[in-house]
């Protein structure tokens, strides 16, 4: 009997966080009602000058421009 074993080595990546502040009334509504007024967001993905963010509350996910965004600003 022959047994093949495959080992996959994955590199653990450090989770990135960013603090955001709402600029528009729509963003302020999401910040209060879905983000529980918590500024920190986990960066899920970076692509084409944008970040896909997950709120710490786990209730809200959104794309944000890294350089300049109409609805959100990076703080800290």
Protein backbone atom coordinates (compact mmCIF):
# COMPACT_ATOMS: atom_id res chain seq x y z
CA UNK A 1 0.00 0.00 0.00
CA UNK A 2 1.31 3.43 -0.99
CA UNK A 3 0.34 6.64 0.82
CA UNK A 4 0.91 10.08 -0.68
CA UNK A 5 0.99 12.97 1.73
CA UNK A 6 0.95 16.56 0.61
CA UNK A 7 1.89 19.37 2.94
CA UNK A 8 0.79 22.88 2.16
CA UNK A 9 2.66 25.66 3.86
CA UNK A 10 0.86 28.95 4.10
CA UNK A 11 2.38 32.18 5.22
CA UNK A 12 0.44 33.91 7.96
CA UNK A 13 -0.20 37.51 7.10
CA UNK A 14 -0.64 40.26 9.64
CA UNK A 15 -4.16 41.67 9.63
CA UNK A 16 -4.25 45.34 8.65
CA UNK A 17 -6.60 47.84 10.25
CA UNK A 18 -7.55 51.40 9.41
CA UNK A 19 -9.61 53.97 11.31
CA UNK A 20 -12.23 55.85 9.34
CA UNK A 21 -14.54 58.82 9.91
CA UNK A 22 -17.80 59.35 8.01
CA UNK A 23 -18.09 62.48 5.85
CA UNK A 24 -21.59 62.25 4.33
CA UNK A 25 -25.01 61.76 5.91
CA UNK A 26 -25.27 58.28 4.36
CA UNK A 27 -21.89 57.29 5.81
CA UNK A 28 -22.83 58.79 9.20
CA UNK A 29 -26.01 56.70 9.19
CA UNK A 30 -24.03 53.50 8.44
CA UNK A 31 -21.45 54.47 11.07
CA UNK A 32 -24.11 54.85 13.77
CA UNK A 33 -26.45 51.99 12.86
CA UNK A 34 -24.21 49.27 11.44
CA UNK A 35 -20.73 50.07 12.71
CA UNK A 36 -21.80 50.75 16.32
CA UNK A 37 -19.84 54.06 16.23
CA UNK A 38 -16.54 52.13 16.06
CA UNK A 39 -13.91 53.71 13.79
CA UNK A 40 -11.67 50.68 13.26
CA UNK A 41 -12.07 48.54 10.15
CA UNK A 42 -10.20 45.48 8.97
CA UNK A 43 -8.72 45.70 5.48
CA UNK A 44 -10.00 42.63 3.67
CA UNK A 45 -8.55 43.43 0.24
CA UNK A 46 -6.60 46.09 -1.67
CA UNK A 47 -7.26 46.49 -5.38
CA UNK A 48 -6.84 49.27 -7.95
CA UNK A 49 -6.31 52.03 -5.38
CA UNK A 50 -9.25 50.93 -3.25
CA UNK A 51 -9.62 49.06 0.04
CA UNK A 52 -12.42 46.64 0.85
CA UNK A 53 -13.15 47.18 4.55
CA UNK A 54 -15.00 45.18 7.18
CA UNK A 55 -16.29 47.01 10.22
CA UNK A 56 -15.21 45.69 13.61
CA UNK A 57 -18.88 45.09 14.40
CA UNK A 58 -18.96 42.65 11.46
CA UNK A 59 -22.21 44.18 10.19
CA UNK A 60 -20.92 46.47 7.45
CA UNK A 61 -18.57 45.94 4.49
CA UNK A 62 -17.62 48.61 1.97
CA UNK A 63 -15.11 49.79 -0.64
CA UNK A 64 -13.13 52.97 0.03
CA UNK A 65 -10.69 54.88 -2.19
CA UNK A 66 -7.25 54.89 -0.59
CA UNK A 67 -6.28 58.40 -1.66
CA UNK A 68 -9.53 60.37 -1.52
CA UNK A 69 -13.04 59.14 -0.84
CA UNK A 70 -16.32 61.05 -1.06
CA UNK A 71 -17.94 59.31 1.93
CA UNK A 72 -15.10 58.36 4.31
CA UNK A 73 -11.76 59.72 5.50
CA UNK A 74 -8.88 57.83 7.10
CA UNK A 75 -7.97 59.09 10.58
CA UNK A 76 -4.85 58.46 12.69
